[in-house]
């Protein structure tokens, strides 16, 4: 499982938008990805990949989807890992046998 290692608000640099409703009040962000119809969700403790549904209460009525963006959710996740924003919960540095 991937976990964020920076505050969720830092994900705005990559186009993430603050969630609607209570999720937004608690500092959660999302990014809709048109290629593969996925929604990336992040809070200070959780990173998730969900299927993008129009009736998701976290997403605004006009989501921040960039339809011309050719990247998939995996491409974006790879960029987030390279930028030092995500890591595996099984990272060798943190694993104690």
Protein backbone atom coordinates (compact mmCIF):
# COMPACT_ATOMS: atom_id res chain seq x y z
CA UNK A 1 0.00 0.00 0.00
CA UNK A 2 1.23 3.50 -0.79
CA UNK A 3 1.21 6.18 1.88
CA UNK A 4 1.84 9.93 1.62
CA UNK A 5 5.01 11.26 3.21
CA UNK A 6 4.13 14.95 2.79
CA UNK A 7 1.00 16.84 3.88
CA UNK A 8 -1.97 16.30 1.55
CA UNK A 9 -2.07 19.97 0.55
CA UNK A 10 1.33 19.49 -1.17
CA UNK A 11 -0.43 17.37 -3.81
CA UNK A 12 -1.97 20.56 -5.23
CA UNK A 13 1.34 20.98 -7.12
CA UNK A 14 0.33 17.96 -9.21
CA UNK A 15 -3.18 19.22 -9.93
CA UNK A 16 -5.05 17.67 -7.01
CA UNK A 17 -8.15 19.60 -5.95
CA UNK A 18 -9.58 19.87 -2.44
CA UNK A 19 -12.49 17.44 -1.97
CA UNK A 20 -16.07 18.61 -1.65
CA UNK A 21 -18.05 18.54 1.60
CA UNK A 22 -16.76 17.03 4.82
CA UNK A 23 -13.83 15.39 3.03
CA UNK A 24 -12.53 18.81 2.02
CA UNK A 25 -13.04 20.15 5.53
CA UNK A 26 -10.74 17.37 6.75
CA UNK A 27 -7.97 18.25 4.28
CA UNK A 28 -8.55 15.56 1.64
CA UNK A 29 -7.69 16.04 -2.04
CA UNK A 30 -8.49 14.21 -5.29
CA UNK A 31 -7.45 14.06 -8.94
CA UNK A 32 -9.62 12.55 -11.68
CA UNK A 33 -7.73 10.71 -14.44
CA UNK A 34 -9.58 10.30 -17.74
CA UNK A 35 -7.29 7.55 -19.06
CA UNK A 36 -8.60 4.48 -17.24
CA UNK A 37 -11.36 6.43 -15.47
CA UNK A 38 -9.67 6.55 -12.06
CA UNK A 39 -9.77 8.96 -9.14
CA UNK A 40 -6.69 9.42 -6.96
CA UNK A 41 -7.53 10.31 -3.36
CA UNK A 42 -5.13 11.58 -0.70
CA UNK A 43 -5.30 12.67 2.92
CA UNK A 44 -2.42 13.17 5.34
CA UNK A 45 -2.49 9.43 6.17
CA UNK A 46 -4.09 7.64 3.18
CA UNK A 47 -3.50 7.41 -0.57
CA UNK A 48 -6.07 5.54 -2.65
CA UNK A 49 -6.94 4.69 -6.23
CA UNK A 50 -10.66 4.38 -6.91
CA UNK A 51 -12.89 3.97 -9.92
CA UNK A 52 -14.18 7.39 -10.93
CA UNK A 53 -17.92 7.65 -10.34
CA UNK A 54 -19.85 10.84 -11.07
CA UNK A 55 -21.88 10.51 -7.86
CA UNK A 56 -18.83 10.25 -5.56
CA UNK A 57 -19.42 12.73 -2.69
CA UNK A 58 -15.72 13.68 -2.64
CA UNK A 59 -15.76 15.02 -6.20
CA UNK A 60 -17.13 18.42 -7.23
CA UNK A 61 -19.88 18.71 -9.87
CA UNK A 62 -17.22 19.83 -12.35
CA UNK A 63 -14.19 17.65 -11.52
CA UNK A 64 -10.66 18.74 -12.31
CA UNK A 65 -10.13 16.18 -15.06
CA UNK A 66 -7.70 17.05 -17.82
CA UNK A 67 -9.07 15.12 -20.78
CA UNK A 68 -6.10 15.96 -23.01
CA UNK A 69 -3.65 14.52 -20.48
CA UNK A 70 -2.33 11.27 -21.93
CA UNK A 71 -1.04 9.94 -18.59
CA UNK A 72 -2.70 7.07 -16.77
CA UNK A 73 -3.10 6.89 -13.01
CA UNK A 74 0.02 4.72 -12.84
CA UNK A 75 2.05 7.35 -14.70
CA UNK A 76 0.96 10.00 -12.19
CA UNK A 77 1.64 7.72 -9.21
CA UNK A 78 5.13 7.03 -10.58
CA UNK A 79 5.76 10.80 -10.78
CA UNK A 80 4.52 11.23 -7.19
CA UNK A 81 6.91 8.52 -5.97
CA UNK A 82 9.83 10.08 -7.87
CA UNK A 83 8.97 13.48 -6.36
CA UNK A 84 9.23 11.99 -2.85
CA UNK A 85 5.55 12.38 -2.04
CA UNK A 86 4.57 8.70 -1.74
CA UNK A 87 6.27 5.59 -0.48
CA UNK A 88 5.36 1.99 0.17
CA UNK A 89 4.28 1.06 3.65
CA UNK A 90 6.69 -1.86 3.19
CA UNK A 91 9.67 0.41 2.48
CA UNK A 92 12.86 -1.44 3.43
CA UNK A 93 14.09 1.49 5.54
CA UNK A 94 11.07 1.17 7.82
CA UNK A 95 10.69 -2.61 7.84
CA UNK A 96 11.97 -4.45 10.89
CA UNK A 97 12.23 -8.22 10.68
